C-alpha atoms as a PDB file:
ATOM      1  CA  MET A   1     -23.485 -60.546  -8.421  1.00  0.00           C
ATOM      2  CA  GLY A   2     -24.592 -57.682 -10.658  1.00  0.00           C
ATOM      3  CA  VAL A   3     -25.431 -57.539 -14.345  1.00  0.00           C
ATOM      4  CA  HIS A   4     -22.435 -56.816 -16.583  1.00  0.00           C
ATOM      5  CA  HIS A   5     -24.393 -55.515 -19.573  1.00  0.00           C
ATOM      6  CA  ILE A   6     -27.604 -56.013 -21.501  1.00  0.00           C
ATOM      7  CA  GLY A   7     -27.648 -56.862 -25.214  1.00  0.00           C
ATOM      8  CA  ILE A   8     -30.510 -55.927 -27.522  1.00  0.00           C
ATOM      9  CA  ALA A   9     -30.688 -57.075 -31.144  1.00  0.00           C
ATOM     10  CA  VAL A  10     -32.114 -54.033 -32.942  1.00  0.00           C
ATOM     11  CA  ARG A  11     -33.752 -53.567 -36.336  1.00  0.00           C
ATOM     12  CA  ASP A  12     -32.272 -50.128 -37.033  1.00  0.00           C
ATOM     13  CA  LEU A  13     -29.058 -49.188 -35.225  1.00  0.00           C
ATOM     14  CA  GLN A  14     -29.286 -45.476 -36.036  1.00  0.00           C
ATOM     15  CA  GLU A  15     -32.896 -45.249 -34.817  1.00  0.00           C
ATOM     16  CA  SER A  16     -31.944 -47.089 -31.617  1.00  0.00           C
ATOM     17  CA  LEU A  17     -29.023 -44.702 -31.094  1.00  0.00           C
ATOM     18  CA  ARG A  18     -31.412 -41.750 -31.490  1.00  0.00           C
ATOM     19  CA  PHE A  19     -33.531 -43.261 -28.698  1.00  0.00           C
ATOM     20  CA  TYR A  20     -30.814 -44.338 -26.241  1.00  0.00           C
ATOM     21  CA  ARG A  21     -28.155 -41.681 -26.950  1.00  0.00           C
ATOM     22  CA  ASP A  22     -30.120 -38.629 -28.054  1.00  0.00           C
ATOM     23  CA  GLY A  23     -33.323 -39.291 -26.105  1.00  0.00           C
ATOM     24  CA  LEU A  24     -32.200 -40.947 -22.865  1.00  0.00           C
ATOM     25  CA  GLY A  25     -28.803 -39.250 -22.748  1.00  0.00           C
ATOM     26  CA  CYS A  26     -26.652 -42.407 -22.880  1.00  0.00           C
ATOM     27  CA  GLN A  27     -23.086 -42.070 -24.066  1.00  0.00           C
ATOM     28  CA  VAL A  28     -21.433 -44.337 -26.626  1.00  0.00           C
ATOM     29  CA  VAL A  29     -18.573 -46.135 -24.858  1.00  0.00           C
ATOM     30  CA  PHE A  30     -17.618 -48.742 -27.490  1.00  0.00           C
ATOM     31  CA  GLU A  31     -18.220 -49.503 -31.177  1.00  0.00           C
ATOM     32  CA  GLU A  32     -16.991 -52.522 -33.105  1.00  0.00           C
ATOM     33  CA  THR A  33     -17.922 -54.842 -35.975  1.00  0.00           C
ATOM     34  CA  PHE A  34     -17.369 -58.550 -35.349  1.00  0.00           C
ATOM     35  CA  ASP A  35     -17.047 -61.359 -37.903  1.00  0.00           C
ATOM     36  CA  ARG A  36     -17.949 -64.619 -36.166  1.00  0.00           C
ATOM     37  CA  ASP A  37     -19.856 -67.851 -36.515  1.00  0.00           C
ATOM     38  CA  TRP A  38     -22.990 -66.338 -34.970  1.00  0.00           C
ATOM     39  CA  GLN A  39     -24.999 -69.463 -35.787  1.00  0.00           C
ATOM     40  CA  ARG A  40     -22.780 -71.497 -33.479  1.00  0.00           C
ATOM     41  CA  LEU A  41     -22.508 -68.809 -30.795  1.00  0.00           C
ATOM     42  CA  VAL A  42     -26.045 -67.371 -30.559  1.00  0.00           C
ATOM     43  CA  GLY A  43     -28.154 -69.254 -33.100  1.00  0.00           C
ATOM     44  CA  SER A  44     -28.154 -66.482 -35.712  1.00  0.00           C
ATOM     45  CA  PRO A  45     -27.286 -67.166 -39.372  1.00  0.00           C
ATOM     46  CA  ALA A  46     -25.562 -63.755 -39.623  1.00  0.00           C
ATOM     47  CA  SER A  47     -21.807 -63.575 -40.192  1.00  0.00           C
ATOM     48  CA  ARG A  48     -21.205 -59.910 -39.241  1.00  0.00           C
ATOM     49  CA  MET A  49     -22.467 -58.017 -36.229  1.00  0.00           C
ATOM     50  CA  ARG A  50     -22.110 -54.315 -35.426  1.00  0.00           C
ATOM     51  CA  ALA A  51     -22.092 -53.619 -31.671  1.00  0.00           C
ATOM     52  CA  VAL A  52     -22.478 -50.182 -30.104  1.00  0.00           C
ATOM     53  CA  VAL A  53     -22.316 -50.115 -26.312  1.00  0.00           C
ATOM     54  CA  VAL A  54     -24.027 -47.208 -24.557  1.00  0.00           C
ATOM     55  CA  ALA A  55     -24.115 -46.314 -20.871  1.00  0.00           C
ATOM     56  CA  HIS A  56     -26.122 -43.752 -18.949  1.00  0.00           C
ATOM     57  CA  PRO A  57     -23.884 -41.159 -17.262  1.00  0.00           C
ATOM     58  CA  GLU A  58     -25.982 -41.183 -14.053  1.00  0.00           C
ATOM     59  CA  ASP A  59     -25.451 -44.944 -13.623  1.00  0.00           C
ATOM     60  CA  PRO A  60     -22.967 -46.453 -16.099  1.00  0.00           C
ATOM     61  CA  ALA A  61     -22.605 -49.738 -14.179  1.00  0.00           C
ATOM     62  CA  CYS A  62     -24.796 -51.776 -16.559  1.00  0.00           C
ATOM     63  CA  PRO A  63     -24.244 -50.708 -20.174  1.00  0.00           C
ATOM     64  CA  ILE A  64     -26.476 -51.695 -23.085  1.00  0.00           C
ATOM     65  CA  GLU A  65     -25.029 -53.368 -26.159  1.00  0.00           C
ATOM     66  CA  LEU A  66     -27.071 -52.470 -29.239  1.00  0.00           C
ATOM     67  CA  ILE A  67     -26.508 -55.295 -31.725  1.00  0.00           C
ATOM     68  CA  ALA A  68     -27.142 -54.965 -35.456  1.00  0.00           C
ATOM     69  CA  PHE A  69     -26.557 -58.075 -37.527  1.00  0.00           C
ATOM     70  CA  GLU A  70     -25.323 -56.664 -40.821  1.00  0.00           C
ATOM     71  CA  ASP A  71     -26.825 -59.289 -43.083  1.00  0.00           C
ATOM     72  CA  GLY A  72     -30.338 -58.278 -42.072  1.00  0.00           C
ATOM     73  CA  VAL A  73     -30.891 -60.965 -39.455  1.00  0.00           C
ATOM     74  CA  ARG A  74     -32.344 -59.494 -36.296  1.00  0.00           C
ATOM     75  CA  ARG A  75     -32.308 -62.256 -33.717  1.00  0.00           C
ATOM     76  CA  SER A  76     -31.308 -65.739 -32.769  1.00  0.00           C
ATOM     77  CA  ALA A  77     -33.298 -68.445 -34.544  1.00  0.00           C
ATOM     78  CA  HIS A  78     -34.281 -70.128 -31.257  1.00  0.00           C
ATOM     79  CA  LEU A  79     -36.110 -67.089 -29.833  1.00  0.00           C
ATOM     80  CA  ASP A  80     -39.853 -66.853 -30.412  1.00  0.00           C
ATOM     81  CA  ALA A  81     -40.095 -63.190 -29.402  1.00  0.00           C
ATOM     82  CA  PRO A  82     -38.552 -60.360 -31.468  1.00  0.00           C
ATOM     83  CA  ASN A  83     -35.981 -60.129 -28.696  1.00  0.00           C
ATOM     84  CA  GLY A  84     -35.668 -61.821 -25.322  1.00  0.00           C
ATOM     85  CA  LEU A  85     -35.512 -58.594 -23.342  1.00  0.00           C
ATOM     86  CA  PHE A  86     -38.587 -57.381 -21.508  1.00  0.00           C
ATOM     87  CA  LEU A  87     -37.548 -54.157 -19.780  1.00  0.00           C
ATOM     88  CA  ILE A  88     -34.632 -51.842 -19.051  1.00  0.00           C
ATOM     89  CA  ALA A  89     -34.924 -49.448 -16.101  1.00  0.00           C
ATOM     90  CA  PHE A  90     -32.943 -46.205 -15.922  1.00  0.00           C
ATOM     91  CA  PRO A  91     -32.654 -44.110 -12.771  1.00  0.00           C
ATOM     92  CA  THR A  92     -32.968 -40.427 -13.650  1.00  0.00           C
ATOM     93  CA  SER A  93     -33.219 -37.163 -11.788  1.00  0.00           C
ATOM     94  CA  ASP A  94     -34.676 -35.325 -14.803  1.00  0.00           C
ATOM     95  CA  VAL A  95     -37.791 -37.139 -16.010  1.00  0.00           C
ATOM     96  CA  PRO A  96     -39.356 -33.985 -17.560  1.00  0.00           C
ATOM     97  CA  GLY A  97     -36.186 -33.225 -19.550  1.00  0.00           C
ATOM     98  CA  THR A  98     -35.835 -36.837 -20.695  1.00  0.00           C
ATOM     99  CA  LYS A  99     -39.493 -36.977 -21.719  1.00  0.00           C
ATOM    100  CA  ALA A 100     -39.144 -33.691 -23.631  1.00  0.00           C
ATOM    101  CA  ARG A 101     -36.127 -35.024 -25.582  1.00  0.00           C
ATOM    102  CA  LEU A 102     -37.888 -38.311 -26.363  1.00  0.00           C
ATOM    103  CA  THR A 103     -41.058 -36.495 -27.454  1.00  0.00           C
ATOM    104  CA  GLU A 104     -39.062 -34.202 -29.733  1.00  0.00           C
ATOM    105  CA  LEU A 105     -37.486 -37.305 -31.314  1.00  0.00           C
ATOM    106  CA  GLY A 106     -40.904 -38.905 -31.903  1.00  0.00           C
ATOM    107  CA  PHE A 107     -40.903 -41.334 -28.941  1.00  0.00           C
ATOM    108  CA  GLY A 108     -43.605 -39.564 -26.925  1.00  0.00           C
ATOM    109  CA  LYS A 109     -46.033 -42.314 -25.893  1.00  0.00           C
ATOM    110  CA  PHE A 110     -45.642 -42.498 -22.107  1.00  0.00           C
ATOM    111  CA  GLU A 111     -47.409 -44.330 -19.302  1.00  0.00           C
ATOM    112  CA  GLU A 112     -47.002 -42.997 -15.758  1.00  0.00           C
ATOM    113  CA  SER A 113     -47.168 -44.794 -12.418  1.00  0.00           C
ATOM    114  CA  GLN A 114     -45.943 -44.378  -8.862  1.00  0.00           C
ATOM    115  CA  SER A 115     -45.469 -46.389  -5.698  1.00  0.00           C
ATOM    116  CA  GLU A 116     -44.123 -45.979  -2.231  1.00  0.00           C
ATOM    117  CA  ILE A 117     -41.475 -48.542  -1.321  1.00  0.00           C
ATOM    118  CA  GLN A 118     -39.618 -48.457   2.017  1.00  0.00           C
ATOM    119  CA  GLY A 119     -40.130 -44.753   2.533  1.00  0.00           C
ATOM    120  CA  GLN A 120     -39.327 -43.807  -1.044  1.00  0.00           C
ATOM    121  CA  ARG A 121     -41.931 -42.425  -3.427  1.00  0.00           C
ATOM    122  CA  ILE A 122     -41.048 -43.990  -6.769  1.00  0.00           C
ATOM    123  CA  HIS A 123     -42.205 -42.242  -9.940  1.00  0.00           C
ATOM    124  CA  ILE A 124     -42.155 -44.467 -13.006  1.00  0.00           C
ATOM    125  CA  THR A 125     -42.514 -43.473 -16.639  1.00  0.00           C
ATOM    126  CA  PHE A 126     -42.769 -46.211 -19.251  1.00  0.00           C
ATOM    127  CA  VAL A 127     -41.869 -45.711 -22.924  1.00  0.00           C
ATOM    128  CA  ARG A 128     -40.941 -48.137 -25.702  1.00  0.00           C
ATOM    129  CA  ASP A 129     -37.746 -48.051 -27.720  1.00  0.00           C
ATOM    130  CA  PRO A 130     -37.831 -48.428 -31.543  1.00  0.00           C
ATOM    131  CA  ASP A 131     -37.896 -52.250 -31.230  1.00  0.00           C
ATOM    132  CA  GLY A 132     -40.721 -52.341 -28.676  1.00  0.00           C
ATOM    133  CA  THR A 133     -38.570 -52.977 -25.595  1.00  0.00           C
ATOM    134  CA  VAL A 134     -40.105 -51.364 -22.515  1.00  0.00           C
ATOM    135  CA  VAL A 135     -37.886 -48.652 -21.035  1.00  0.00           C
ATOM    136  CA  GLU A 136     -38.692 -47.554 -17.487  1.00  0.00           C
ATOM    137  CA  LEU A 137     -37.556 -44.131 -16.254  1.00  0.00           C
ATOM    138  CA  VAL A 138     -37.340 -44.252 -12.443  1.00  0.00           C
ATOM    139  CA  SER A 139     -37.036 -41.315 -10.072  1.00  0.00           C
ATOM    140  CA  SER A 140     -37.574 -41.278  -6.341  1.00  0.00           C
ATOM    141  CA  GLU A 141     -37.870 -38.930  -3.429  1.00  0.00           C
ATOM    142  CA  GLU A 142     -37.543 -39.477   0.277  1.00  0.00           C
ATOM    143  CA  THR A 143     -40.961 -39.589   1.990  1.00  0.00           C
ATOM    144  CA  ARG A 144     -39.935 -40.612   5.523  1.00  0.00           C
ATOM    145  CA  HIS A 145     -40.493 -38.080   8.245  1.00  0.00           C
ATOM    146  CA  VAL A 146     -38.018 -38.030  11.109  1.00  0.00           C
ATOM    147  CA  LYS A 147     -39.637 -37.850  14.542  1.00  0.00           C
ATOM    148  CA  LEU A 148     -37.779 -35.796  17.154  1.00  0.00           C
END
């Protein structure tokens, strides 16, 4: 079973769109405002929620739903953390280009790491979105050598 989508309650929808759409290259696939009993459904006293779903064109299988509660409420009352999400990882073949776009948009604090896992050299770049969620940019290259 895979993940259908990830939802992030954001403080500033436009700033989050700058990060995910303009910086990471995600595409907006859905936008809607919902009037619901959010207290009953997710523990939030808000009555209106704006949802913008974005997906990365290189791997659109798990989109991200950016949630902005319109009455200024950011999260469910039962969560202690600003949001319950720890990390989102994006596969990318263009880490330098992605980093350049993010830096130009003011999101240029990166941490770099790498590993070798099952013959793949994994390059990892960590950056935080406007709400502090860790975003991991992952690229890999084959390191196995075929013996003849």
